[in-house]
C-alpha atoms as a PDB file:
ATOM      1  CA  MET A   1     114.148 136.805 117.323  1.00  0.00           C
ATOM      2  CA  ALA A   2     112.236 133.479 117.443  1.00  0.00           C
ATOM      3  CA  PRO A   3     112.375 133.055 113.654  1.00  0.00           C
ATOM      4  CA  LEU A   4     116.090 133.709 113.605  1.00  0.00           C
ATOM      5  CA  ALA A   5     116.645 131.060 116.376  1.00  0.00           C
ATOM      6  CA  SER A   6     114.584 128.515 114.568  1.00  0.00           C
ATOM      7  CA  VAL A   7     116.640 129.193 111.336  1.00  0.00           C
ATOM      8  CA  ALA A   8     119.810 128.762 113.293  1.00  0.00           C
ATOM      9  CA  VAL A   9     118.719 125.503 114.824  1.00  0.00           C
ATOM     10  CA  THR A  10     117.533 124.133 111.486  1.00  0.00           C
ATOM     11  CA  VAL A  11     120.854 125.077 109.850  1.00  0.00           C
ATOM     12  CA  LEU A  12     122.779 123.356 112.658  1.00  0.00           C
ATOM     13  CA  LEU A  13     120.626 120.203 112.564  1.00  0.00           C
ATOM     14  CA  LEU A  14     120.938 119.875 108.756  1.00  0.00           C
ATOM     15  CA  ASN A  15     124.693 120.326 108.804  1.00  0.00           C
ATOM     16  CA  ALA A  16     125.544 118.436 111.989  1.00  0.00           C
ATOM     17  CA  PRO A  17     125.942 114.981 110.363  1.00  0.00           C
ATOM     18  CA  HIS A  18     128.273 116.430 107.638  1.00  0.00           C
ATOM     19  CA  ALA A  19     130.317 118.334 110.173  1.00  0.00           C
ATOM     20  CA  TRP A  20     130.551 115.217 112.354  1.00  0.00           C
ATOM     21  CA  ARG A  21     131.824 113.162 109.482  1.00  0.00           C
ATOM     22  CA  ASN A  22     134.436 115.841 108.623  1.00  0.00           C
ATOM     23  CA  PHE A  23     135.531 115.998 112.249  1.00  0.00           C
ATOM     24  CA  SER A  24     135.812 112.157 112.458  1.00  0.00           C
ATOM     25  CA  LEU A  25     137.842 112.057 109.224  1.00  0.00           C
ATOM     26  CA  TYR A  26     139.853 115.207 109.286  1.00  0.00           C
ATOM     27  CA  GLY A  27     139.769 116.415 112.869  1.00  0.00           C
ATOM     28  CA  ASN A  28     137.930 119.614 111.737  1.00  0.00           C
ATOM     29  CA  PRO A  29     134.165 120.130 111.197  1.00  0.00           C
ATOM     30  CA  LEU A  30     134.872 122.205 108.040  1.00  0.00           C
ATOM     31  CA  GLY A  31     136.861 119.418 106.361  1.00  0.00           C
ATOM     32  CA  PRO A  32     140.558 119.216 105.410  1.00  0.00           C
ATOM     33  CA  MET A  33     142.515 122.376 105.810  1.00  0.00           C
ATOM     34  CA  GLN A  34     145.301 121.186 103.572  1.00  0.00           C
ATOM     35  CA  GLU A  35     146.192 118.453 101.054  1.00  0.00           C
ATOM     36  CA  LEU A  36     149.303 116.705 100.510  1.00  0.00           C
ATOM     37  CA  THR A  37     150.583 115.857  96.969  1.00  0.00           C
ATOM     38  CA  ASP A  38     153.790 114.665  95.437  1.00  0.00           C
ATOM     39  CA  ARG A  39     154.651 118.410  94.920  1.00  0.00           C
ATOM     40  CA  GLY A  40     154.279 119.098  98.673  1.00  0.00           C
ATOM     41  CA  GLY A  41     151.417 120.302 100.896  1.00  0.00           C
ATOM     42  CA  TYR A  42     148.860 122.948 100.013  1.00  0.00           C
ATOM     43  CA  ARG A  43     146.917 124.794 102.652  1.00  0.00           C
ATOM     44  CA  TYR A  44     143.297 125.868 101.809  1.00  0.00           C
ATOM     45  CA  THR A  45     143.230 128.543 104.488  1.00  0.00           C
ATOM     46  CA  ASN A  46     145.071 131.822 104.611  1.00  0.00           C
ATOM     47  CA  ASP A  47     148.231 132.032 106.713  1.00  0.00           C
ATOM     48  CA  ILE A  48     147.331 135.566 107.900  1.00  0.00           C
ATOM     49  CA  PHE A  49     143.949 136.852 108.992  1.00  0.00           C
ATOM     50  CA  THR A  50     144.384 140.691 108.904  1.00  0.00           C
ATOM     51  CA  PRO A  51     142.009 143.227 107.574  1.00  0.00           C
ATOM     52  CA  ALA A  52     144.458 143.849 104.731  1.00  0.00           C
ATOM     53  CA  ALA A  53     144.423 140.123 103.802  1.00  0.00           C
ATOM     54  CA  VAL A  54     140.682 139.919 103.860  1.00  0.00           C
ATOM     55  CA  ALA A  55     140.412 143.096 101.717  1.00  0.00           C
ATOM     56  CA  SER A  56     143.035 141.605  99.326  1.00  0.00           C
ATOM     57  CA  ASN A  57     141.044 138.491  98.787  1.00  0.00           C
ATOM     58  CA  ALA A  58     137.714 140.288  98.585  1.00  0.00           C
ATOM     59  CA  LEU A  59     139.034 142.851  96.103  1.00  0.00           C
ATOM     60  CA  ARG A  60     140.627 140.211  93.883  1.00  0.00           C
ATOM     61  CA  ASN A  61     137.443 138.063  94.000  1.00  0.00           C
ATOM     62  CA  ALA A  62     135.266 141.161  93.165  1.00  0.00           C
ATOM     63  CA  ALA A  63     137.623 142.077  90.248  1.00  0.00           C
ATOM     64  CA  LEU A  64     137.322 138.754  88.684  1.00  0.00           C
ATOM     65  CA  GLN A  65     133.511 138.902  88.907  1.00  0.00           C
ATOM     66  CA  ALA A  66     133.515 142.425  87.418  1.00  0.00           C
ATOM     67  CA  ALA A  67     135.886 141.561  84.450  1.00  0.00           C
ATOM     68  CA  THR A  68     134.639 143.109  81.251  1.00  0.00           C
ATOM     69  CA  ARG A  69     136.496 141.088  78.631  1.00  0.00           C
ATOM     70  CA  ASP A  70     137.837 144.356  77.322  1.00  0.00           C
ATOM     71  CA  ALA A  71     141.607 144.120  77.817  1.00  0.00           C
ATOM     72  CA  ARG A  72     141.991 147.859  78.262  1.00  0.00           C
ATOM     73  CA  ILE A  73     139.368 148.196  81.015  1.00  0.00           C
ATOM     74  CA  ASP A  74     140.520 144.958  82.725  1.00  0.00           C
ATOM     75  CA  GLY A  75     144.127 146.156  82.616  1.00  0.00           C
ATOM     76  CA  ARG A  76     143.101 149.376  84.398  1.00  0.00           C
ATOM     77  CA  ILE A  77     141.158 147.401  87.019  1.00  0.00           C
ATOM     78  CA  GLU A  78     144.229 145.191  87.539  1.00  0.00           C
ATOM     79  CA  ALA A  79     146.520 148.260  87.882  1.00  0.00           C
ATOM     80  CA  PHE A  80     144.205 149.873  90.301  1.00  0.00           C
ATOM     81  CA  LEU A  81     144.135 146.777  92.506  1.00  0.00           C
ATOM     82  CA  THR A  82     147.903 146.644  92.327  1.00  0.00           C
ATOM     83  CA  ARG A  83     148.025 150.197  93.610  1.00  0.00           C
ATOM     84  CA  ILE A  84     145.657 149.438  96.403  1.00  0.00           C
ATOM     85  CA  HIS A  85     147.760 146.414  97.422  1.00  0.00           C
ATOM     86  CA  ARG A  86     150.898 148.586  97.460  1.00  0.00           C
ATOM     87  CA  TRP A  87     149.075 151.063  99.742  1.00  0.00           C
ATOM     88  CA  MET A  88     148.062 148.132 102.088  1.00  0.00           C
ATOM     89  CA  ALA A  89     151.733 147.050 102.010  1.00  0.00           C
ATOM     90  CA  LEU A  90     150.748 143.654 100.629  1.00  0.00           C
ATOM     91  CA  ASP A  91     151.866 141.992  97.485  1.00  0.00           C
ATOM     92  CA  ILE A  92     148.905 141.227  95.110  1.00  0.00           C
ATOM     93  CA  ASN A  93     150.258 137.644  94.802  1.00  0.00           C
ATOM     94  CA  ASP A  94     151.211 137.218  98.463  1.00  0.00           C
ATOM     95  CA  ALA A  95     151.969 133.589  99.155  1.00  0.00           C
ATOM     96  CA  ARG A  96     150.186 133.789 102.529  1.00  0.00           C
ATOM     97  CA  THR A  97     146.825 134.509 100.819  1.00  0.00           C
ATOM     98  CA  THR A  98     147.211 133.115  97.346  1.00  0.00           C
ATOM     99  CA  TRP A  99     147.067 129.509  96.171  1.00  0.00           C
ATOM    100  CA  PRO A 100     150.638 128.321  95.341  1.00  0.00           C
ATOM    101  CA  ARG A 101     151.796 128.800  91.778  1.00  0.00           C
ATOM    102  CA  THR A 102     148.946 131.176  90.975  1.00  0.00           C
ATOM    103  CA  THR A 103     149.126 134.832  89.930  1.00  0.00           C
ATOM    104  CA  PHE A 104     146.406 137.393  89.794  1.00  0.00           C
ATOM    105  CA  HIS A 105     145.161 138.689  86.427  1.00  0.00           C
ATOM    106  CA  VAL A 106     141.835 140.265  85.474  1.00  0.00           C
ATOM    107  CA  GLY A 107     139.901 139.239  82.363  1.00  0.00           C
ATOM    108  CA  SER A 108     140.973 135.805  81.013  1.00  0.00           C
ATOM    109  CA  ARG A 109     138.647 134.727  78.157  1.00  0.00           C
ATOM    110  CA  THR A 110     137.307 131.395  79.227  1.00  0.00           C
ATOM    111  CA  CYS A 111     134.070 129.414  78.976  1.00  0.00           C
ATOM    112  CA  ASP A 112     134.971 127.389  82.146  1.00  0.00           C
ATOM    113  CA  GLU A 113     132.328 127.978  84.800  1.00  0.00           C
ATOM    114  CA  ASN A 114     134.833 127.576  87.539  1.00  0.00           C
ATOM    115  CA  SER A 115     137.094 130.471  86.447  1.00  0.00           C
ATOM    116  CA  SER A 116     134.828 132.893  84.678  1.00  0.00           C
ATOM    117  CA  GLY A 117     133.100 135.691  86.502  1.00  0.00           C
ATOM    118  CA  ASN A 118     129.570 136.926  86.153  1.00  0.00           C
ATOM    119  CA  PRO A 119     129.674 140.692  85.785  1.00  0.00           C
ATOM    120  CA  VAL A 120     125.951 141.128  85.336  1.00  0.00           C
ATOM    121  CA  HIS A 121     125.159 139.375  88.721  1.00  0.00           C
ATOM    122  CA  PHE A 122     128.087 141.273  90.344  1.00  0.00           C
ATOM    123  CA  TRP A 123     126.890 144.818  89.230  1.00  0.00           C
ATOM    124  CA  LEU A 124     123.253 143.936  90.160  1.00  0.00           C
ATOM    125  CA  VAL A 125     124.330 142.897  93.653  1.00  0.00           C
ATOM    126  CA  LEU A 126     126.285 146.148  94.068  1.00  0.00           C
ATOM    127  CA  LEU A 127     123.381 148.241  92.706  1.00  0.00           C
ATOM    128  CA  ALA A 128     121.076 146.431  95.140  1.00  0.00           C
ATOM    129  CA  GLY A 129     123.366 147.309  97.980  1.00  0.00           C
ATOM    130  CA  CYS A 130     123.411 150.918  96.973  1.00  0.00           C
ATOM    131  CA  TRP A 131     119.590 150.941  96.631  1.00  0.00           C
ATOM    132  CA  LEU A 132     119.195 149.291 100.080  1.00  0.00           C
ATOM    133  CA  ALA A 133     121.565 152.005 101.566  1.00  0.00           C
ATOM    134  CA  TRP A 134     119.803 154.750  99.856  1.00  0.00           C
ATOM    135  CA  SER A 135     116.245 153.566 100.818  1.00  0.00           C
ATOM    136  CA  TRP A 136     117.248 152.723 104.394  1.00  0.00           C
ATOM    137  CA  ARG A 137     114.443 154.876 105.997  1.00  0.00           C
ATOM    138  CA  ARG A 138     112.021 154.897 103.058  1.00  0.00           C
ATOM    139  CA  ALA A 139     111.343 151.258 102.309  1.00  0.00           C
ATOM    140  CA  PRO A 140     110.201 148.631 104.737  1.00  0.00           C
ATOM    141  CA  TYR A 141     112.289 145.813 103.209  1.00  0.00           C
ATOM    142  CA  ARG A 142     113.791 144.416 106.444  1.00  0.00           C
ATOM    143  CA  GLU A 143     114.005 140.873 105.053  1.00  0.00           C
ATOM    144  CA  ILE A 144     115.915 142.004 101.991  1.00  0.00           C
ATOM    145  CA  ARG A 145     118.445 143.970 104.128  1.00  0.00           C
ATOM    146  CA  VAL A 146     118.943 140.918 106.390  1.00  0.00           C
ATOM    147  CA  TYR A 147     119.427 138.686 103.298  1.00  0.00           C
ATOM    148  CA  TYR A 148     121.868 141.203 101.699  1.00  0.00           C
ATOM    149  CA  GLY A 149     123.737 141.457 104.889  1.00  0.00           C
ATOM    150  CA  ALA A 150     123.978 137.637 105.185  1.00  0.00           C
ATOM    151  CA  LEU A 151     125.214 137.561 101.531  1.00  0.00           C
ATOM    152  CA  MET A 152     127.961 140.063 102.308  1.00  0.00           C
ATOM    153  CA  ILE A 153     128.986 138.330 105.494  1.00  0.00           C
ATOM    154  CA  GLY A 154     129.290 135.131 103.560  1.00  0.00           C
ATOM    155  CA  PHE A 155     131.416 136.894 100.864  1.00  0.00           C
ATOM    156  CA  PHE A 156     133.788 138.306 103.434  1.00  0.00           C
ATOM    157  CA  LEU A 157     134.020 135.090 105.420  1.00  0.00           C
ATOM    158  CA  PHE A 158     134.988 133.292 102.175  1.00  0.00           C
ATOM    159  CA  ALA A 159     137.601 135.940 101.533  1.00  0.00           C
ATOM    160  CA  ALA A 160     138.880 135.699 105.144  1.00  0.00           C
ATOM    161  CA  LEU A 161     139.140 131.920 105.358  1.00  0.00           C
ATOM    162  CA  LEU A 162     140.266 130.693 101.961  1.00  0.00           C
ATOM    163  CA  ARG A 163     143.311 131.466  99.914  1.00  0.00           C
ATOM    164  CA  TRP A 164     142.616 133.309  96.659  1.00  0.00           C
ATOM    165  CA  GLN A 165     142.595 131.329  93.509  1.00  0.00           C
ATOM    166  CA  PRO A 166     140.969 131.824  90.002  1.00  0.00           C
ATOM    167  CA  GLY A 167     138.993 128.626  90.454  1.00  0.00           C
ATOM    168  CA  THR A 168     136.937 130.023  93.291  1.00  0.00           C
ATOM    169  CA  VAL A 169     135.361 132.620  91.083  1.00  0.00           C
ATOM    170  CA  GLY A 170     132.628 130.247  89.847  1.00  0.00           C
ATOM    171  CA  CYS A 171     132.107 129.041  93.409  1.00  0.00           C
ATOM    172  CA  ILE A 172     131.555 132.574  94.667  1.00  0.00           C
ATOM    173  CA  CYS A 173     129.005 133.138  91.994  1.00  0.00           C
ATOM    174  CA  ARG A 174     127.116 129.913  92.592  1.00  0.00           C
ATOM    175  CA  CYS A 175     127.207 130.289  96.306  1.00  0.00           C
ATOM    176  CA  SER A 176     126.290 133.831  96.708  1.00  0.00           C
ATOM    177  CA  PHE A 177     125.678 136.250  93.782  1.00  0.00           C
ATOM    178  CA  CYS A 178     123.308 133.952  91.945  1.00  0.00           C
ATOM    179  CA  ARG A 179     121.006 133.882  94.931  1.00  0.00           C
ATOM    180  CA  VAL A 180     119.815 137.403  94.178  1.00  0.00           C
ATOM    181  CA  ARG A 181     117.156 135.874  91.966  1.00  0.00           C
ATOM    182  CA  ARG A 182     115.217 135.017  95.143  1.00  0.00           C
ATOM    183  CA  TRP A 183     114.739 138.698  96.043  1.00  0.00           C
ATOM    184  CA  PRO A 184     111.587 139.202  93.941  1.00  0.00           C
ATOM    185  CA  SER A 185     109.783 136.700  96.170  1.00  0.00           C
ATOM    186  CA  PHE A 186     110.352 139.053  99.111  1.00  0.00           C
ATOM    187  CA  LEU A 187     109.071 142.016  97.074  1.00  0.00           C
ATOM    188  CA  ASP A 188     105.966 140.160  96.113  1.00  0.00           C
ATOM    189  CA  SER A 189     105.117 139.171  99.708  1.00  0.00           C
ATOM    190  CA  ARG A 190     105.137 142.913 100.696  1.00  0.00           C
ATOM    191  CA  ARG A 191     102.198 143.761  98.444  1.00  0.00           C
END
């Protein structure tokens, strides 16, 4: 418990000046929650915070990460997500959880790092989660489980707080999925 407390204190101390500046400037420690333009105002945060809204954003973000660049497969992924959204009684482009003037589509061919997914990292993260679940009692990798849990919590907090938009795909990859490369250091320390 002491290491966790020291990590929490360190994180708070490192982020406190930034949070204070945001609070002084925007009235919120996380920064601006909206922006005003000549086209009107845009809110960064979701208007609803229901389990269906979080699931919607998480599924759409995951689908863009898993895009295959094969139009037939990507079309099936998109159709499957549309059915899930109908089942949740939520439009796949619900204005309360989607950036204005944005529509959801899987598999756009782009070289832009902000809007292209990373299917290799995505599938590796999912396989790692399956392995951790399967080896729950067999392997003593507590640190990896904690790290994976923090990774998933971050992913779902991102989905819960921010409106879905294609430009967040690269951010999700850089902020969470790419961090998997650090796991081998945990494995080496066990030997």
